[in-house]
Amino acid sequence: MDTISAVRNRILQLCGQRNISINKLANICALPPSSVKNILYGKSQNPKLLTIKMLCDGLDITLAQFFDTDEFNGLEQEIK
């Protein structure tokens, strides 16, 4: 699995846990829905850390909580 897939999966997981739609997520995070959808549908291959931070703020979690998953912990190094 690559990093962008892990980010995408984590966003979807958090939405599922909170039973919110992508549009609702964007709204509570003060992001344009297109920004979130671009991450989810693969148009954004390198989402900004600030965007992920805004998602975390809207979901009331820390960046550490966002990235503290088995998926992220098991990622291979990008530089080999």
Protein backbone atom coordinates (compact mmCIF):
# COMPACT_ATOMS: atom_id res chain seq x y z
CA MET A 1 0.00 0.00 0.00
CA ASP A 2 1.20 3.51 -0.74
CA THR A 3 0.93 6.61 1.42
CA ILE A 4 -1.87 8.31 -0.54
CA SER A 5 -3.98 5.15 -0.30
CA ALA A 6 -3.40 5.07 3.45
CA VAL A 7 -4.52 8.72 3.74
CA ARG A 8 -7.59 8.02 1.62
CA ASN A 9 -8.49 4.93 3.66
CA ARG A 10 -8.04 6.80 6.94
CA ILE A 11 -10.35 9.64 5.86
CA LEU A 12 -13.00 7.14 4.79
CA GLN A 13 -12.58 5.20 8.04
CA LEU A 14 -13.04 8.33 10.14
CA CYS A 15 -16.13 9.35 8.17
CA GLY A 16 -17.56 5.88 8.64
CA GLN A 17 -16.90 5.92 12.39
CA ARG A 18 -18.69 9.25 12.69
CA ASN A 19 -21.39 8.41 10.14
CA ILE A 20 -20.74 11.58 8.13
CA SER A 21 -20.56 12.17 4.40
CA ILE A 22 -17.61 13.62 2.54
CA ASN A 23 -19.53 16.88 2.05
CA LYS A 24 -20.31 17.06 5.77
CA LEU A 25 -16.66 16.39 6.56
CA ALA A 26 -15.57 19.20 4.25
CA ASN A 27 -18.10 21.53 5.84
CA ILE A 28 -17.02 20.89 9.44
CA CYS A 29 -13.35 21.19 8.42
CA ALA A 30 -13.85 24.48 6.55
CA LEU A 31 -12.51 22.93 3.35
CA PRO A 32 -14.00 23.00 -0.13
CA PRO A 33 -15.64 19.64 -0.86
CA SER A 34 -13.51 19.45 -4.00
CA SER A 35 -10.33 19.41 -1.88
CA VAL A 36 -11.47 16.38 0.08
CA LYS A 37 -12.82 14.64 -3.02
CA ASN A 38 -9.56 15.26 -4.88
CA ILE A 39 -7.72 13.35 -2.16
CA LEU A 40 -10.28 10.54 -2.12
CA TYR A 41 -10.53 10.13 -5.89
CA GLY A 42 -6.82 10.31 -6.57
CA LYS A 43 -6.58 13.71 -8.26
CA SER A 44 -4.42 14.97 -5.40
CA GLN A 45 -1.40 12.69 -5.19
CA ASN A 46 0.32 14.84 -2.58
CA PRO A 47 -2.17 16.40 -0.14
CA LYS A 48 -0.77 19.23 1.93
CA LEU A 49 -0.12 18.66 5.58
CA LEU A 50 -2.20 21.77 6.31
CA THR A 51 -5.20 20.13 4.60
CA ILE A 52 -4.79 17.00 6.70
CA LYS A 53 -4.41 19.20 9.81
CA MET A 54 -7.67 20.96 8.97
CA LEU A 55 -9.37 17.57 8.59
CA CYS A 56 -8.03 16.59 12.00
CA ASP A 57 -9.17 19.85 13.57
CA GLY A 58 -12.68 19.39 12.20
CA LEU A 59 -12.78 15.81 13.45
CA ASP A 60 -11.36 16.88 16.81
CA ILE A 61 -8.34 14.59 16.60
CA THR A 62 -4.62 15.24 16.55
CA LEU A 63 -2.29 14.60 13.65
CA ALA A 64 -0.76 11.84 15.77
CA GLN A 65 -4.17 10.18 16.09
CA PHE A 66 -4.75 10.47 12.35
CA PHE A 67 -1.47 8.76 11.50
CA ASP A 68 -1.35 6.24 14.37
CA THR A 69 -2.76 3.24 12.51
CA ASP A 70 -1.39 -0.12 11.45
CA GLU A 71 -1.64 1.01 7.82
CA PHE A 72 0.64 4.00 8.34
CA ASN A 73 2.98 2.13 10.65
CA GLY A 74 3.41 -0.60 8.04
CA LEU A 75 4.22 1.66 5.09
CA GLU A 76 7.50 1.02 3.32
CA GLN A 77 9.99 3.82 2.92
CA GLU A 78 9.30 6.07 -0.06
CA ILE A 79 13.02 6.56 -0.69
CA LYS A 80 14.98 3.41 -1.35
